[in-house]
Amino acid sequence: MKRIFGLIIFIVTVFPGNAQQDPQFSQSMYNIMMFNPGYVGSKNAICATAVNRQQWVGFEGAPVSSLFTVNSPFRLFGADHGAGLHILNDEAGFETNLSINASYAFRMNLGNGKLGIGFGLGVINSSLDADWFVPAGEDFTTPSADPSIPAGNETVLTVDFSGGLFYYDGDLYVGISSTHINEPAVEYTQSARPFRSRHYYLTAGYRLPMKNPSVSALPAVLLQTDGAIAQLNIGAIIDYNSRLWGGLFYRHGAAIVGIAGVELFNGINIGYSYDFSTTAIMRHNKGSHEFMLRYCFDLDMDRTPQRYRSIRIL
């Protein structure tokens, strides 16, 4: 219980400080639209993805995140566009955040590919369960003695904005984006005014052909920061005929991640990742598990021809 109390104090008092607040997903190549609205419509298909992440299994009060996304391209007035929706539920200790975000991207030809210029608008419902457990002793502060600690359950609804650019040409993808552009305030009490820090993302990947035409390597990198703390994810996936894949990633200062997946049927993919912690917290948990289910339905659109291949990087 002391671990939970410590996590609560972290959320309530450090929330406005220097910690990244967006949930972490290891299979980020399947949920790029969560942090970059410029991605939507980048594949000539309607794609729906569901991801569940259980972080630090065995650690009481550890984060549990569930994500659902759907996006599609469309044509309007002779131009290419994309639209998408994502729903994210993130629980950590006594705080739960439910966000619903709609994304739009205008897609324009650039070189051999297309550039998506995207914007996102959503709402975040933040709730705090004040079923506090405060250890006895003079070193601990009770809720009644600290006005910054809510005495009862609290709920706050905020508006959230995001924006991003995403380029894809069939082999190469590059994206840059920002979430929580407006840095919405989350006021659980009048004496504390925590906010969601603006986050920045840079993502890139490239398909490397191998001697066997059925096999390709997909190195990828994701850099995210809130302006105070930066986190780098780097690694590669080996893909076989766009039907079977596996790889390793390294999250700097945090974990080594193994990823595997398979296409069960035409357009239906499942994936799994396991995070092995490389920090001191490894002694207190059994790793992190992440499950992914995705279905893509190809569209027959009159678009500029592009070399869309595997969805492994989309």
Protein backbone atom coordinates (compact mmCIF):
# COMPACT_ATOMS: atom_id res chain seq x y z
CA MET A 1 0.00 0.00 0.00
CA LYS A 2 2.89 2.36 0.60
CA ARG A 3 3.80 1.94 -3.06
CA ILE A 4 0.31 3.11 -4.03
CA PHE A 5 0.52 6.05 -1.67
CA GLY A 6 3.83 7.04 -3.18
CA LEU A 7 2.33 6.81 -6.66
CA ILE A 8 -0.59 9.00 -5.61
CA ILE A 9 1.69 11.65 -4.17
CA PHE A 10 3.68 11.54 -7.40
CA ILE A 11 0.54 12.08 -9.48
CA VAL A 12 -0.86 14.88 -7.32
CA THR A 13 2.31 16.81 -6.52
CA VAL A 14 4.73 16.04 -9.34
CA PHE A 15 2.17 15.97 -12.14
CA PRO A 16 2.92 19.56 -13.15
CA GLY A 17 6.64 18.89 -13.07
CA ASN A 18 9.08 17.03 -15.27
CA ALA A 19 7.59 13.60 -15.91
CA GLN A 20 6.17 12.46 -19.23
CA GLN A 21 2.45 11.90 -18.91
CA ASP A 22 1.50 10.15 -22.17
CA PRO A 23 1.22 6.36 -21.76
CA GLN A 24 3.97 4.20 -23.22
CA PHE A 25 3.26 1.58 -25.89
CA SER A 26 5.95 -0.77 -27.19
CA GLN A 27 4.24 -1.57 -30.50
CA SER A 28 4.20 2.10 -31.47
CA MET A 29 4.22 1.28 -35.19
CA TYR A 30 0.56 0.25 -34.78
CA ASN A 31 -0.62 3.38 -32.97
CA ILE A 32 1.22 6.26 -34.60
CA MET A 33 -2.04 8.17 -34.92
CA MET A 34 -2.26 8.30 -31.11
CA PHE A 35 0.54 10.86 -31.08
CA ASN A 36 0.59 12.08 -34.70
CA PRO A 37 -2.67 13.06 -36.43
CA GLY A 38 -0.75 13.55 -39.68
CA TYR A 39 -0.64 9.75 -39.95
CA VAL A 40 -4.38 9.21 -40.56
CA GLY A 41 -5.22 8.10 -44.07
CA SER A 42 -1.61 7.21 -44.90
CA LYS A 43 -2.59 3.69 -45.95
CA ASN A 44 -5.05 2.91 -48.74
CA ALA A 45 -7.24 1.01 -46.28
CA ILE A 46 -9.60 1.36 -43.36
CA CYS A 47 -7.64 0.12 -40.35
CA ALA A 48 -8.91 -0.58 -36.84
CA THR A 49 -6.50 -1.44 -34.02
CA ALA A 50 -6.97 -2.46 -30.39
CA VAL A 51 -4.05 -2.54 -27.93
CA ASN A 52 -3.93 -3.47 -24.25
CA ARG A 53 -0.81 -2.86 -22.17
CA GLN A 54 -0.22 -4.14 -18.65
CA GLN A 55 2.90 -2.46 -17.33
CA TRP A 56 5.07 -3.75 -14.48
CA VAL A 57 2.95 -6.84 -13.79
CA GLY A 58 2.96 -7.65 -10.08
CA PHE A 59 3.56 -4.04 -9.04
CA GLU A 60 0.54 -2.78 -7.12
CA GLY A 61 -1.05 0.24 -8.76
CA ALA A 62 0.97 -0.15 -11.97
CA PRO A 63 -0.29 1.47 -15.20
CA VAL A 64 -2.82 -0.36 -17.38
CA SER A 65 -3.55 1.20 -20.78
CA SER A 66 -6.14 0.29 -23.43
CA LEU A 67 -6.24 1.91 -26.85
CA PHE A 68 -8.61 1.68 -29.82
CA THR A 69 -7.93 3.47 -33.10
CA VAL A 70 -9.62 3.58 -36.49
CA ASN A 71 -8.61 5.63 -39.51
CA SER A 72 -9.32 5.84 -43.22
CA PRO A 73 -8.34 7.84 -46.31
CA PHE A 74 -10.98 9.61 -48.39
CA ARG A 75 -11.16 11.91 -51.40
CA LEU A 76 -12.96 15.23 -51.42
CA PHE A 77 -12.95 17.88 -54.15
CA GLY A 78 -10.24 15.96 -56.00
CA ALA A 79 -7.83 15.98 -53.04
CA ASP A 80 -6.67 13.26 -50.63
CA HIS A 81 -7.60 13.44 -46.97
CA GLY A 82 -7.56 11.21 -43.91
CA ALA A 83 -9.77 10.94 -40.83
CA GLY A 84 -9.47 8.94 -37.65
CA LEU A 85 -10.67 8.40 -34.11
CA HIS A 86 -8.83 7.05 -31.11
CA ILE A 87 -10.03 6.21 -27.62
CA LEU A 88 -7.49 5.76 -24.83
CA ASN A 89 -8.10 4.63 -21.26
CA ASP A 90 -5.09 4.89 -18.96
CA GLU A 91 -5.11 3.85 -15.30
CA ALA A 92 -2.23 4.42 -12.87
CA GLY A 93 -2.74 4.08 -9.15
CA PHE A 94 -5.79 6.10 -8.18
CA GLU A 95 -5.92 8.19 -11.35
CA THR A 96 -7.79 7.27 -14.53
CA ASN A 97 -7.67 9.23 -17.78
CA LEU A 98 -10.15 8.55 -20.58
CA SER A 99 -9.48 10.46 -23.78
CA ILE A 100 -11.42 10.59 -27.05
CA ASN A 101 -9.71 12.27 -29.97
CA ALA A 102 -10.74 12.91 -33.58
CA SER A 103 -8.02 13.48 -36.18
CA TYR A 104 -7.95 14.94 -39.68
CA ALA A 105 -5.09 15.10 -42.20
CA PHE A 106 -4.71 16.77 -45.56
CA ARG A 107 -2.51 14.62 -47.78
CA MET A 108 -0.35 16.10 -50.52
CA ASN A 109 2.11 14.62 -53.00
CA LEU A 110 5.76 15.06 -52.04
CA GLY A 111 8.50 13.31 -53.97
CA ASN A 112 7.70 9.61 -54.31
CA GLY A 113 5.25 9.65 -51.43
CA LYS A 114 2.70 11.75 -49.60
CA LEU A 115 2.90 14.21 -46.74
CA GLY A 116 0.06 14.30 -44.23
CA ILE A 117 -0.60 17.56 -42.39
CA GLY A 118 -2.81 16.66 -39.46
CA PHE A 119 -4.69 18.17 -36.56
CA GLY A 120 -6.39 16.51 -33.61
CA LEU A 121 -9.14 17.67 -31.27
CA GLY A 122 -10.32 15.73 -28.27
CA VAL A 123 -11.43 15.66 -24.66
CA ILE A 124 -9.80 14.06 -21.63
CA ASN A 125 -11.82 12.96 -18.63
CA SER A 126 -9.49 12.74 -15.62
CA SER A 127 -10.71 11.18 -12.40
CA LEU A 128 -9.06 10.67 -9.04
CA ASP A 129 -10.23 8.05 -6.56
CA ALA A 130 -9.61 9.52 -3.12
CA ASP A 131 -9.80 6.20 -1.29
CA TRP A 132 -6.56 7.22 0.35
CA PHE A 133 -4.41 5.06 2.50
CA VAL A 134 -2.19 7.36 4.53
CA PRO A 135 0.35 5.66 6.83
CA ALA A 136 0.33 6.82 10.40
CA GLY A 137 3.19 8.89 11.74
CA GLU A 138 4.46 12.43 11.86
CA ASP A 139 6.25 12.04 8.51
CA PHE A 140 2.95 11.67 6.61
CA THR A 141 0.41 14.35 5.75
CA THR A 142 -3.31 13.58 5.88
CA PRO A 143 -5.70 14.89 3.20
CA SER A 144 -7.38 17.17 5.76
CA ALA A 145 -4.04 18.82 6.52
CA ASP A 146 -3.07 19.46 2.89
CA PRO A 147 -5.50 21.44 0.69
CA SER A 148 -3.73 20.20 -2.45
CA ILE A 149 -4.93 16.63 -1.75
CA PRO A 150 -8.63 16.08 -2.67
CA ALA A 151 -10.77 14.87 0.20
CA GLY A 152 -13.19 13.06 -2.12
CA ASN A 153 -13.40 11.61 -5.60
CA GLU A 154 -12.74 14.24 -8.26
CA THR A 155 -13.40 14.42 -12.02
CA VAL A 156 -12.09 17.01 -14.47
CA LEU A 157 -12.95 17.34 -18.18
CA THR A 158 -10.49 19.18 -20.44
CA VAL A 159 -10.13 19.95 -24.15
CA ASP A 160 -6.97 18.70 -25.86
CA PHE A 161 -5.24 19.68 -29.13
CA SER A 162 -2.55 17.94 -31.19
CA GLY A 163 -0.83 18.41 -34.52
CA GLY A 164 1.70 16.66 -36.72
CA LEU A 165 3.34 15.96 -40.06
CA PHE A 166 3.76 12.44 -41.45
CA TYR A 167 5.55 11.42 -44.66
CA TYR A 168 5.42 7.93 -46.19
CA ASP A 169 6.59 6.64 -49.57
CA GLY A 170 6.20 2.88 -49.19
CA ASP A 171 9.71 2.27 -47.82
CA LEU A 172 10.46 5.32 -45.68
CA TYR A 173 8.32 7.06 -43.08
CA VAL A 174 9.13 10.15 -41.02
CA GLY A 175 6.85 11.95 -38.60
CA ILE A 176 7.04 14.89 -36.23
CA SER A 177 4.20 15.86 -33.93
CA SER A 178 3.06 17.37 -30.66
CA THR A 179 0.32 16.41 -28.20
CA HIS A 180 -1.34 18.55 -25.50
CA ILE A 181 -0.45 21.67 -27.48
CA ASN A 182 -2.72 23.78 -25.29
CA GLU A 183 -1.35 22.21 -22.07
CA PRO A 184 -4.80 21.71 -20.50
CA ALA A 185 -5.03 22.28 -16.76
CA VAL A 186 -6.23 19.46 -14.50
CA GLU A 187 -7.52 21.18 -11.37
CA TYR A 188 -8.55 18.59 -8.81
CA THR A 189 -8.44 21.27 -6.09
CA GLN A 190 -8.38 25.08 -6.07
CA SER A 191 -4.98 25.13 -4.36
CA ALA A 192 -3.24 23.03 -7.02
CA ARG A 193 -3.16 23.66 -10.76
CA PRO A 194 -1.37 20.76 -12.44
CA PHE A 195 -1.35 20.60 -16.23
CA ARG A 196 -0.55 18.20 -19.04
CA SER A 197 2.82 19.11 -20.43
CA ARG A 198 3.16 19.57 -24.16
CA HIS A 199 4.82 16.46 -25.64
CA TYR A 200 6.90 16.22 -28.81
CA TYR A 201 7.46 13.13 -30.97
CA LEU A 202 9.88 12.27 -33.74
CA THR A 203 9.45 8.90 -35.43
CA ALA A 204 11.12 7.33 -38.45
CA GLY A 205 11.57 3.94 -40.09
CA TYR A 206 12.85 2.38 -43.29
CA ARG A 207 12.40 -0.91 -45.12
CA LEU A 208 15.71 -2.60 -45.94
CA PRO A 209 15.54 -5.30 -48.64
CA MET A 210 17.31 -8.61 -47.99
CA LYS A 211 18.76 -11.22 -50.35
CA ASN A 212 15.58 -13.24 -49.88
CA PRO A 213 12.82 -11.10 -51.47
CA SER A 214 10.33 -12.50 -48.95
CA VAL A 215 12.33 -11.10 -46.02
CA SER A 216 12.90 -7.48 -45.09
CA ALA A 217 14.34 -5.60 -42.13
CA LEU A 218 12.48 -2.63 -40.67
CA PRO A 219 14.69 -0.47 -38.42
CA ALA A 220 12.71 2.19 -36.57
CA VAL A 221 13.21 4.91 -34.01
CA LEU A 222 10.87 6.90 -31.78
CA LEU A 223 12.02 9.90 -29.75
CA GLN A 224 9.59 11.53 -27.36
CA THR A 225 10.06 14.39 -24.92
CA ASP A 226 8.07 16.79 -22.81
CA GLY A 227 10.84 19.38 -22.95
CA ALA A 228 12.38 18.16 -19.70
CA ILE A 229 12.79 14.40 -20.12
CA ALA A 230 13.53 12.62 -23.39
CA GLN A 231 13.07 8.93 -24.13
CA LEU A 232 14.55 7.09 -27.10
CA ASN A 233 13.17 3.84 -28.52
CA ILE A 234 15.28 2.18 -31.20
CA GLY A 235 15.32 -1.26 -32.78
CA ALA A 236 14.31 -3.33 -35.78
CA ILE A 237 11.74 -5.86 -36.94
CA ILE A 238 12.39 -8.73 -39.35
CA ASP A 239 9.37 -9.30 -41.57
CA TYR A 240 8.65 -12.46 -43.57
CA ASN A 241 6.33 -12.01 -46.53
CA SER A 242 4.23 -9.50 -44.55
CA ARG A 243 2.74 -12.43 -42.62
CA LEU A 244 5.17 -13.15 -39.80
CA TRP A 245 7.40 -10.72 -37.92
CA GLY A 246 9.57 -10.37 -34.84
CA GLY A 247 12.16 -7.99 -33.48
CA LEU A 248 13.93 -6.30 -30.60
CA PHE A 249 13.83 -2.71 -29.37
CA TYR A 250 15.70 -0.84 -26.69
CA ARG A 251 14.01 1.86 -24.64
CA HIS A 252 16.87 3.95 -23.33
CA GLY A 253 17.25 3.71 -19.59
CA ALA A 254 14.07 1.67 -19.19
CA ALA A 255 13.64 -1.68 -20.94
CA ILE A 256 14.54 -4.21 -23.61
CA VAL A 257 11.48 -5.08 -25.69
CA GLY A 258 10.72 -8.21 -27.70
CA ILE A 259 7.99 -8.04 -30.36
CA ALA A 260 6.32 -10.81 -32.38
CA GLY A 261 3.26 -11.02 -34.59
CA VAL A 262 1.44 -12.93 -37.29
CA GLU A 263 -1.25 -12.36 -39.89
CA LEU A 264 -3.99 -14.86 -39.04
CA PHE A 265 -6.21 -14.17 -42.03
CA ASN A 266 -6.23 -11.67 -44.85
CA GLY A 267 -6.02 -8.30 -43.12
CA ILE A 268 -6.26 -9.62 -39.54
CA ASN A 269 -3.06 -9.30 -37.49
CA ILE A 270 -2.18 -10.06 -33.88
CA GLY A 271 0.93 -8.91 -32.07
CA TYR A 272 2.56 -9.29 -28.68
CA SER A 273 5.42 -7.54 -26.93
CA TYR A 274 7.22 -8.11 -23.65
CA ASP A 275 9.22 -5.45 -21.83
CA PHE A 276 12.10 -6.57 -19.64
CA SER A 277 12.89 -3.73 -17.24
CA THR A 278 16.52 -2.65 -17.04
CA THR A 279 16.09 -0.39 -14.00
CA ALA A 280 15.86 -1.09 -10.28
CA ILE A 281 12.11 -1.60 -10.63
CA MET A 282 12.83 -4.96 -12.29
CA ARG A 283 13.13 -6.47 -8.80
CA HIS A 284 9.52 -5.58 -8.03
CA ASN A 285 7.64 -6.65 -11.18
CA LYS A 286 7.37 -9.41 -13.76
CA GLY A 287 7.79 -7.26 -16.84
CA SER A 288 5.23 -5.57 -19.06
CA HIS A 289 2.87 -7.30 -21.50
CA GLU A 290 1.22 -5.73 -24.53
CA PHE A 291 -1.34 -7.32 -26.84
CA MET A 292 -2.44 -6.00 -30.23
CA LEU A 293 -5.24 -6.91 -32.63
CA ARG A 294 -5.59 -5.19 -36.00
CA TYR A 295 -7.80 -5.43 -39.06
CA CYS A 296 -7.28 -3.54 -42.31
CA PHE A 297 -9.77 -3.49 -45.16
CA ASP A 298 -8.25 -2.36 -48.47
CA LEU A 299 -10.00 0.41 -50.39
CA ASP A 300 -10.13 0.77 -54.16
CA MET A 301 -9.45 4.46 -54.53
CA ASP A 302 -8.34 6.50 -57.50
CA ARG A 303 -5.10 7.64 -55.92
CA THR A 304 -1.63 8.44 -57.09
CA PRO A 305 0.11 5.02 -57.36
CA GLN A 306 2.29 4.22 -54.36
CA ARG A 307 4.30 1.22 -53.29
CA TYR A 308 2.29 0.19 -50.24
CA ARG A 309 3.56 -3.10 -48.95
CA SER A 310 3.49 -4.43 -45.44
CA ILE A 311 1.52 -2.69 -42.69
CA ARG A 312 4.32 -3.49 -40.31
CA ILE A 313 5.38 0.17 -40.18
CA LEU A 314 1.85 1.46 -40.33
